[in-house]
N, C-alpha and C. Protein backbone atom coordinates (compact mmCIF):
# COMPACT_ATOMS: atom_id res chain seq x y z
N MET A 1 94.11 84.53 81.89
CA MET A 1 94.15 85.91 81.47
C MET A 1 93.60 86.79 82.61
N THR A 2 94.31 87.84 82.91
CA THR A 2 93.88 88.77 83.94
C THR A 2 92.90 89.75 83.30
N LEU A 3 91.76 89.93 83.93
CA LEU A 3 90.71 90.78 83.39
C LEU A 3 90.68 92.12 84.10
N ALA A 4 90.01 93.08 83.47
CA ALA A 4 89.94 94.43 84.03
C ALA A 4 89.39 94.43 85.44
N HIS A 5 88.40 93.57 85.73
CA HIS A 5 87.83 93.57 87.08
C HIS A 5 88.84 93.09 88.13
N ASP A 6 89.83 92.27 87.71
CA ASP A 6 90.90 91.87 88.62
C ASP A 6 91.77 93.07 89.00
N TYR A 7 92.02 93.93 88.03
CA TYR A 7 92.82 95.12 88.30
C TYR A 7 92.05 96.12 89.17
N VAL A 8 90.74 96.21 88.95
CA VAL A 8 89.91 97.05 89.82
C VAL A 8 89.96 96.51 91.24
N ALA A 9 89.90 95.20 91.39
CA ALA A 9 89.99 94.58 92.71
C ALA A 9 91.33 94.91 93.37
N ALA A 10 92.40 94.92 92.59
CA ALA A 10 93.72 95.24 93.14
C ALA A 10 93.78 96.69 93.59
N ARG A 11 93.20 97.58 92.80
CA ARG A 11 93.22 98.99 93.21
C ARG A 11 92.38 99.18 94.48
N THR A 12 91.24 98.53 94.55
CA THR A 12 90.41 98.61 95.75
C THR A 12 91.16 98.05 96.94
N TRP A 13 91.83 96.92 96.75
CA TRP A 13 92.60 96.28 97.81
C TRP A 13 93.69 97.20 98.31
N LEU A 14 94.35 97.91 97.40
CA LEU A 14 95.45 98.81 97.75
C LEU A 14 94.98 100.14 98.34
N ALA A 15 93.72 100.47 98.17
CA ALA A 15 93.21 101.76 98.62
C ALA A 15 93.40 101.98 100.12
N ASP A 16 93.35 100.91 100.90
CA ASP A 16 93.50 101.04 102.34
C ASP A 16 94.96 100.96 102.80
N CYS A 17 95.86 100.79 101.88
CA CYS A 17 97.28 100.68 102.23
C CYS A 17 97.90 102.06 102.38
N ARG A 18 98.78 102.19 103.32
CA ARG A 18 99.54 103.43 103.48
C ARG A 18 101.03 103.18 103.32
N ARG A 19 101.51 102.02 103.76
CA ARG A 19 102.95 101.73 103.70
C ARG A 19 103.16 100.25 103.38
N PRO A 20 102.89 99.85 102.15
CA PRO A 20 103.11 98.45 101.80
C PRO A 20 104.59 98.14 101.58
N LEU A 21 104.95 96.94 101.94
CA LEU A 21 106.29 96.41 101.67
C LEU A 21 106.20 95.68 100.34
N LEU A 22 107.07 96.01 99.39
CA LEU A 22 107.10 95.37 98.08
C LEU A 22 108.36 94.53 97.98
N VAL A 23 108.21 93.28 97.57
CA VAL A 23 109.36 92.39 97.40
C VAL A 23 109.21 91.57 96.12
N THR A 24 110.32 90.98 95.73
CA THR A 24 110.35 90.05 94.62
C THR A 24 111.31 88.92 95.00
N HIS A 25 111.58 88.06 94.07
CA HIS A 25 112.43 86.89 94.33
C HIS A 25 113.89 87.26 94.52
N ARG A 26 114.63 86.32 95.08
CA ARG A 26 116.09 86.48 95.21
C ARG A 26 116.70 86.56 93.82
N ARG A 27 117.88 87.15 93.76
CA ARG A 27 118.60 87.32 92.50
C ARG A 27 117.65 87.90 91.43
N PRO A 28 117.13 89.11 91.67
CA PRO A 28 116.12 89.67 90.77
C PRO A 28 116.68 89.97 89.39
N ASP A 29 115.85 89.72 88.39
CA ASP A 29 116.19 90.01 87.01
C ASP A 29 115.52 91.34 86.62
N GLY A 30 115.64 91.70 85.36
CA GLY A 30 115.08 92.96 84.90
C GLY A 30 113.57 93.05 85.04
N ASP A 31 112.88 91.94 84.82
CA ASP A 31 111.42 91.93 84.96
C ASP A 31 111.03 92.20 86.42
N ALA A 32 111.69 91.53 87.34
CA ALA A 32 111.38 91.69 88.76
C ALA A 32 111.70 93.11 89.23
N LEU A 33 112.87 93.63 88.88
CA LEU A 33 113.25 94.98 89.29
C LEU A 33 112.38 96.03 88.62
N GLY A 34 112.09 95.84 87.34
CA GLY A 34 111.23 96.78 86.62
C GLY A 34 109.83 96.82 87.22
N ALA A 35 109.32 95.65 87.59
CA ALA A 35 107.98 95.60 88.21
C ALA A 35 107.98 96.28 89.57
N LEU A 36 109.03 96.06 90.36
CA LEU A 36 109.13 96.73 91.66
C LEU A 36 109.20 98.24 91.49
N ALA A 37 110.02 98.70 90.56
CA ALA A 37 110.14 100.14 90.32
C ALA A 37 108.82 100.71 89.83
N ALA A 38 108.20 100.06 88.87
CA ALA A 38 106.93 100.56 88.32
C ALA A 38 105.83 100.55 89.38
N ALA A 39 105.72 99.48 90.14
CA ALA A 39 104.70 99.42 91.18
C ALA A 39 104.93 100.50 92.23
N THR A 40 106.18 100.75 92.56
CA THR A 40 106.51 101.82 93.51
C THR A 40 106.03 103.16 92.99
N LEU A 41 106.35 103.47 91.75
CA LEU A 41 105.95 104.74 91.16
C LEU A 41 104.43 104.86 91.05
N LEU A 42 103.77 103.77 90.67
CA LEU A 42 102.31 103.79 90.53
C LEU A 42 101.63 103.98 91.88
N LEU A 43 102.13 103.30 92.88
CA LEU A 43 101.53 103.45 94.21
C LEU A 43 101.72 104.86 94.75
N ARG A 44 102.85 105.46 94.44
CA ARG A 44 103.05 106.85 94.84
C ARG A 44 102.02 107.77 94.20
N GLU A 45 101.67 107.47 92.94
CA GLU A 45 100.64 108.26 92.25
C GLU A 45 99.29 108.16 92.97
N LEU A 46 99.07 107.06 93.68
CA LEU A 46 97.83 106.87 94.42
C LEU A 46 97.92 107.41 95.85
N GLY A 47 99.02 108.07 96.17
CA GLY A 47 99.18 108.64 97.51
C GLY A 47 99.63 107.64 98.56
N ILE A 48 100.20 106.53 98.11
CA ILE A 48 100.67 105.47 99.00
C ILE A 48 102.19 105.58 99.11
N ASP A 49 102.74 105.17 100.25
CA ASP A 49 104.19 105.24 100.51
C ASP A 49 104.79 103.83 100.48
N PRO A 50 105.04 103.27 99.29
CA PRO A 50 105.56 101.91 99.19
C PRO A 50 107.03 101.83 99.57
N HIS A 51 107.43 100.67 100.06
CA HIS A 51 108.82 100.42 100.44
C HIS A 51 109.32 99.16 99.74
N PRO A 52 109.95 99.32 98.56
CA PRO A 52 110.49 98.15 97.86
C PRO A 52 111.78 97.68 98.52
N ALA A 53 111.86 96.39 98.77
CA ALA A 53 113.04 95.82 99.43
C ALA A 53 113.62 94.70 98.59
N LEU A 54 114.94 94.63 98.61
CA LEU A 54 115.66 93.57 97.90
C LEU A 54 116.38 92.70 98.92
N PHE A 55 116.46 91.41 98.63
CA PHE A 55 117.17 90.46 99.48
C PHE A 55 118.65 90.41 99.16
N ASP A 56 119.01 90.85 97.97
CA ASP A 56 120.39 90.80 97.48
C ASP A 56 120.84 92.22 97.12
N PRO A 57 122.14 92.43 96.99
CA PRO A 57 122.61 93.75 96.54
C PRO A 57 122.01 94.08 95.17
N PHE A 58 121.84 95.36 94.91
CA PHE A 58 121.27 95.77 93.63
C PHE A 58 122.17 95.29 92.49
N PRO A 59 121.62 94.55 91.52
CA PRO A 59 122.45 94.01 90.43
C PRO A 59 123.06 95.12 89.57
N ALA A 60 124.36 95.05 89.37
CA ALA A 60 125.09 96.07 88.63
C ALA A 60 124.56 96.27 87.22
N ARG A 61 124.10 95.20 86.59
CA ARG A 61 123.66 95.35 85.20
C ARG A 61 122.36 96.13 85.07
N TYR A 62 121.66 96.38 86.19
CA TYR A 62 120.40 97.12 86.16
C TYR A 62 120.49 98.45 86.91
N THR A 63 121.70 99.01 87.02
CA THR A 63 121.86 100.23 87.80
C THR A 63 121.02 101.39 87.28
N TRP A 64 120.64 101.37 86.03
CA TRP A 64 119.80 102.44 85.47
C TRP A 64 118.42 102.46 86.12
N LEU A 65 118.01 101.34 86.73
CA LEU A 65 116.73 101.29 87.44
C LEU A 65 116.84 101.80 88.88
N GLU A 66 118.03 101.82 89.40
CA GLU A 66 118.22 102.14 90.81
C GLU A 66 117.68 103.51 91.22
N PRO A 67 117.82 104.56 90.41
CA PRO A 67 117.32 105.87 90.83
C PRO A 67 115.79 105.98 90.86
N LEU A 68 115.07 105.01 90.32
CA LEU A 68 113.62 105.10 90.22
C LEU A 68 112.88 104.87 91.54
N ALA A 69 113.54 104.26 92.50
CA ALA A 69 112.85 103.93 93.76
C ALA A 69 113.84 104.00 94.91
N PRO A 70 113.34 104.25 96.12
CA PRO A 70 114.20 104.22 97.31
C PRO A 70 114.35 102.78 97.78
N TRP A 71 115.24 102.03 97.19
CA TRP A 71 115.40 100.61 97.45
C TRP A 71 115.85 100.38 98.89
N HIS A 72 115.24 99.40 99.54
CA HIS A 72 115.60 99.05 100.91
C HIS A 72 116.34 97.72 100.93
N ASP A 73 117.27 97.60 101.83
CA ASP A 73 118.07 96.39 102.00
C ASP A 73 117.39 95.53 103.07
N TRP A 74 116.79 94.44 102.65
CA TRP A 74 116.09 93.56 103.58
C TRP A 74 116.98 93.11 104.73
N ASN A 75 118.21 92.77 104.43
CA ASN A 75 119.12 92.24 105.45
C ASN A 75 119.38 93.26 106.57
N ARG A 76 119.45 94.52 106.26
CA ARG A 76 119.70 95.55 107.26
C ARG A 76 118.42 96.13 107.86
N GLU A 77 117.33 96.15 107.11
CA GLU A 77 116.14 96.89 107.52
C GLU A 77 114.91 96.03 107.80
N HIS A 78 115.06 94.72 107.82
CA HIS A 78 113.87 93.88 107.90
C HIS A 78 113.02 94.13 109.15
N ASP A 79 113.64 94.43 110.28
CA ASP A 79 112.85 94.68 111.49
C ASP A 79 111.93 95.88 111.32
N ASP A 80 112.47 96.99 110.83
CA ASP A 80 111.66 98.19 110.62
C ASP A 80 110.63 97.97 109.52
N LEU A 81 111.03 97.34 108.42
CA LEU A 81 110.12 97.12 107.30
C LEU A 81 108.92 96.26 107.72
N THR A 82 109.17 95.21 108.46
CA THR A 82 108.06 94.33 108.86
C THR A 82 107.21 94.95 109.96
N ALA A 83 107.82 95.75 110.82
CA ALA A 83 107.06 96.36 111.92
C ALA A 83 106.15 97.48 111.45
N THR A 84 106.51 98.14 110.35
CA THR A 84 105.75 99.32 109.94
C THR A 84 104.91 99.12 108.69
N CYS A 85 105.01 97.99 108.01
CA CYS A 85 104.22 97.80 106.79
C CYS A 85 102.79 97.42 107.16
N ASP A 86 101.86 97.85 106.31
CA ASP A 86 100.45 97.48 106.52
C ASP A 86 99.94 96.55 105.43
N ALA A 87 100.82 96.17 104.53
CA ALA A 87 100.48 95.21 103.47
C ALA A 87 101.80 94.68 102.90
N LEU A 88 101.70 93.53 102.26
CA LEU A 88 102.85 92.93 101.58
C LEU A 88 102.45 92.70 100.14
N VAL A 89 103.27 93.20 99.21
CA VAL A 89 103.04 92.99 97.79
C VAL A 89 104.23 92.21 97.24
N ILE A 90 103.94 91.05 96.68
CA ILE A 90 104.98 90.18 96.13
C ILE A 90 104.83 90.18 94.62
N LEU A 91 105.91 90.49 93.92
CA LEU A 91 105.89 90.57 92.47
C LEU A 91 106.82 89.53 91.85
N ASP A 92 106.36 88.92 90.78
CA ASP A 92 107.15 88.03 89.93
C ASP A 92 107.48 86.68 90.55
N THR A 93 106.79 86.28 91.58
CA THR A 93 106.94 84.92 92.11
C THR A 93 105.78 84.60 93.03
N CYS A 94 105.47 83.33 93.08
CA CYS A 94 104.50 82.81 94.04
C CYS A 94 105.08 81.52 94.61
N ALA A 95 106.42 81.51 94.72
CA ALA A 95 107.14 80.33 95.21
C ALA A 95 107.89 80.68 96.49
N VAL A 96 107.59 79.97 97.56
CA VAL A 96 108.24 80.21 98.85
C VAL A 96 109.75 80.05 98.73
N SER A 97 110.21 79.11 97.93
CA SER A 97 111.66 78.88 97.80
C SER A 97 112.39 80.10 97.26
N GLN A 98 111.72 80.94 96.49
CA GLN A 98 112.35 82.15 95.96
C GLN A 98 112.23 83.32 96.93
N LEU A 99 111.46 83.12 97.98
CA LEU A 99 111.24 84.17 98.98
C LEU A 99 111.82 83.76 100.33
N GLU A 100 112.81 82.90 100.33
CA GLU A 100 113.36 82.33 101.55
C GLU A 100 113.65 83.36 102.64
N PRO A 101 114.21 84.54 102.32
CA PRO A 101 114.48 85.49 103.40
C PRO A 101 113.24 85.95 104.18
N ILE A 102 112.06 85.92 103.54
CA ILE A 102 110.85 86.32 104.25
C ILE A 102 109.92 85.15 104.54
N ALA A 103 110.39 83.94 104.34
CA ALA A 103 109.53 82.76 104.54
C ALA A 103 108.93 82.75 105.95
N GLY A 104 109.70 83.10 106.96
CA GLY A 104 109.19 83.12 108.32
C GLY A 104 108.20 84.24 108.57
N PHE A 105 108.28 85.31 107.78
CA PHE A 105 107.38 86.45 107.92
C PHE A 105 106.05 86.20 107.23
N LEU A 106 106.02 85.40 106.18
CA LEU A 106 104.81 85.22 105.38
C LEU A 106 103.57 84.83 106.20
N PRO A 107 103.66 83.87 107.13
CA PRO A 107 102.45 83.50 107.88
C PRO A 107 101.91 84.62 108.78
N ARG A 108 102.76 85.52 109.21
CA ARG A 108 102.31 86.61 110.09
C ARG A 108 102.27 87.96 109.38
N ALA A 109 102.53 87.96 108.10
CA ALA A 109 102.53 89.20 107.33
C ALA A 109 101.13 89.79 107.30
N PRO A 110 101.05 91.11 107.16
CA PRO A 110 99.72 91.69 106.95
C PRO A 110 99.15 91.19 105.63
N ARG A 111 97.97 91.62 105.32
CA ARG A 111 97.33 91.13 104.08
C ARG A 111 98.31 91.23 102.92
N THR A 112 98.21 90.28 102.02
CA THR A 112 99.23 90.09 100.99
C THR A 112 98.61 90.04 99.60
N LEU A 113 99.29 90.69 98.67
CA LEU A 113 98.93 90.68 97.26
C LEU A 113 100.09 90.06 96.49
N VAL A 114 99.79 89.09 95.63
CA VAL A 114 100.80 88.52 94.74
C VAL A 114 100.41 88.85 93.31
N ILE A 115 101.36 89.36 92.55
CA ILE A 115 101.18 89.59 91.11
C ILE A 115 102.27 88.78 90.42
N ASP A 116 101.86 87.80 89.62
CA ASP A 116 102.85 86.88 89.04
C ASP A 116 102.36 86.31 87.73
N HIS A 117 103.32 85.87 86.92
CA HIS A 117 103.01 85.25 85.63
C HIS A 117 103.61 83.85 85.50
N HIS A 118 104.18 83.32 86.54
CA HIS A 118 104.78 81.98 86.50
C HIS A 118 103.77 80.90 86.90
N PRO A 119 103.97 79.67 86.46
CA PRO A 119 103.02 78.60 86.80
C PRO A 119 103.15 78.05 88.22
N THR A 120 104.27 78.31 88.89
CA THR A 120 104.46 77.79 90.25
C THR A 120 103.52 78.52 91.20
N ARG A 121 102.77 77.75 92.00
CA ARG A 121 101.78 78.35 92.89
C ARG A 121 101.87 77.73 94.28
N ASP A 122 102.66 78.32 95.16
CA ASP A 122 102.66 77.90 96.55
C ASP A 122 101.51 78.62 97.26
N PRO A 123 101.12 78.17 98.43
CA PRO A 123 99.98 78.81 99.12
C PRO A 123 100.36 80.14 99.78
N ILE A 124 100.70 81.09 98.95
CA ILE A 124 101.01 82.46 99.39
C ILE A 124 99.82 83.33 98.98
N ALA A 125 99.41 84.23 99.86
CA ALA A 125 98.28 85.12 99.59
C ALA A 125 96.99 84.35 99.39
N THR A 126 96.78 83.37 100.23
CA THR A 126 95.55 82.57 100.15
C THR A 126 94.67 82.72 101.39
N ARG A 127 95.06 83.61 102.30
CA ARG A 127 94.27 83.83 103.51
C ARG A 127 93.12 84.79 103.20
N PRO A 128 92.10 84.81 104.04
CA PRO A 128 91.05 85.82 103.84
C PRO A 128 91.66 87.21 103.87
N GLY A 129 91.26 88.04 102.92
CA GLY A 129 91.80 89.40 102.82
C GLY A 129 92.99 89.52 101.90
N ASP A 130 93.60 88.40 101.52
CA ASP A 130 94.72 88.41 100.57
C ASP A 130 94.16 88.44 99.15
N LEU A 131 95.03 88.70 98.19
CA LEU A 131 94.63 88.78 96.79
C LEU A 131 95.76 88.25 95.92
N ARG A 132 95.38 87.56 94.85
CA ARG A 132 96.36 87.05 93.88
C ARG A 132 95.93 87.45 92.49
N LEU A 133 96.85 88.08 91.75
CA LEU A 133 96.66 88.36 90.34
C LEU A 133 97.67 87.50 89.59
N LEU A 134 97.20 86.43 89.02
CA LEU A 134 98.07 85.45 88.38
C LEU A 134 97.65 85.28 86.93
N ASP A 135 98.61 85.39 86.03
CA ASP A 135 98.32 85.27 84.61
C ASP A 135 99.51 84.64 83.90
N GLU A 136 99.45 83.32 83.70
CA GLU A 136 100.52 82.60 83.03
C GLU A 136 100.67 82.99 81.57
N SER A 137 99.66 83.60 80.99
CA SER A 137 99.76 83.98 79.58
C SER A 137 100.58 85.26 79.39
N ALA A 138 100.85 85.97 80.46
CA ALA A 138 101.64 87.20 80.37
C ALA A 138 103.11 86.85 80.19
N GLY A 139 103.78 87.52 79.29
CA GLY A 139 105.19 87.27 79.04
C GLY A 139 106.11 87.81 80.13
N ALA A 140 105.59 88.72 80.96
CA ALA A 140 106.39 89.32 82.02
C ALA A 140 105.45 89.92 83.06
N VAL A 141 105.92 89.99 84.29
CA VAL A 141 105.11 90.62 85.34
C VAL A 141 105.00 92.12 85.08
N CYS A 142 105.98 92.71 84.41
CA CYS A 142 105.89 94.13 84.06
C CYS A 142 104.66 94.41 83.20
N LEU A 143 104.29 93.47 82.35
CA LEU A 143 103.09 93.63 81.54
C LEU A 143 101.86 93.71 82.44
N LEU A 144 101.80 92.88 83.46
CA LEU A 144 100.66 92.90 84.39
C LEU A 144 100.61 94.23 85.15
N VAL A 145 101.75 94.72 85.56
CA VAL A 145 101.80 96.01 86.27
C VAL A 145 101.35 97.13 85.32
N ALA A 146 101.78 97.09 84.08
CA ALA A 146 101.38 98.10 83.10
C ALA A 146 99.87 98.04 82.84
N GLU A 147 99.33 96.84 82.70
CA GLU A 147 97.88 96.70 82.50
C GLU A 147 97.12 97.20 83.72
N TRP A 148 97.64 96.92 84.91
CA TRP A 148 97.00 97.39 86.13
C TRP A 148 96.98 98.92 86.16
N ALA A 149 98.09 99.54 85.77
CA ALA A 149 98.16 101.01 85.75
C ALA A 149 97.12 101.58 84.79
N GLN A 150 97.03 101.00 83.61
CA GLN A 150 96.07 101.49 82.64
C GLN A 150 94.64 101.31 83.14
N ALA A 151 94.35 100.18 83.75
CA ALA A 151 93.00 99.93 84.27
C ALA A 151 92.68 100.88 85.43
N ALA A 152 93.72 101.29 86.16
CA ALA A 152 93.53 102.21 87.28
C ALA A 152 93.50 103.67 86.83
N GLY A 153 93.72 103.89 85.53
CA GLY A 153 93.70 105.25 85.00
C GLY A 153 94.95 106.04 85.32
N ILE A 154 96.05 105.35 85.57
CA ILE A 154 97.32 106.01 85.87
C ILE A 154 98.17 106.01 84.61
N ALA A 155 98.60 107.18 84.21
CA ALA A 155 99.39 107.30 82.99
C ALA A 155 100.75 106.62 83.17
N LEU A 156 101.16 105.91 82.14
CA LEU A 156 102.50 105.30 82.14
C LEU A 156 103.49 106.37 81.69
N THR A 157 104.52 106.58 82.49
CA THR A 157 105.52 107.59 82.14
C THR A 157 106.84 106.93 81.83
């Protein structure tokens, strides 16, 4: 179970970020896309300029989510995204196999935050300065993002 002090730690961790790169797994589902969109909007409320990137084309069945964030195409923009980000936020996975497009970037990535509810735990975000918010009891990563927003005092819209 993720506790309120974990969410406070995440907000403190994010306080020094100015341009975090946000990613999720390949072939994103509604939970992954919803979490990316929500995290993007929440970080903007904190005065941060997040850059959510997708490894695959935006799924047609979730086009209603597309206007919520300025989605970046990893395949076209990865050089700029990696060169200018000051943090990496991974949502809805902690498995290297699901992050294959950035697998080579992970060891040299800036400090990394993982927010996930799955039981798979690869050694991602385990370096000093990294942070992991993991809660297998959560039914969706969107729930963790919503709880984080509430703990941070950010209204859900």
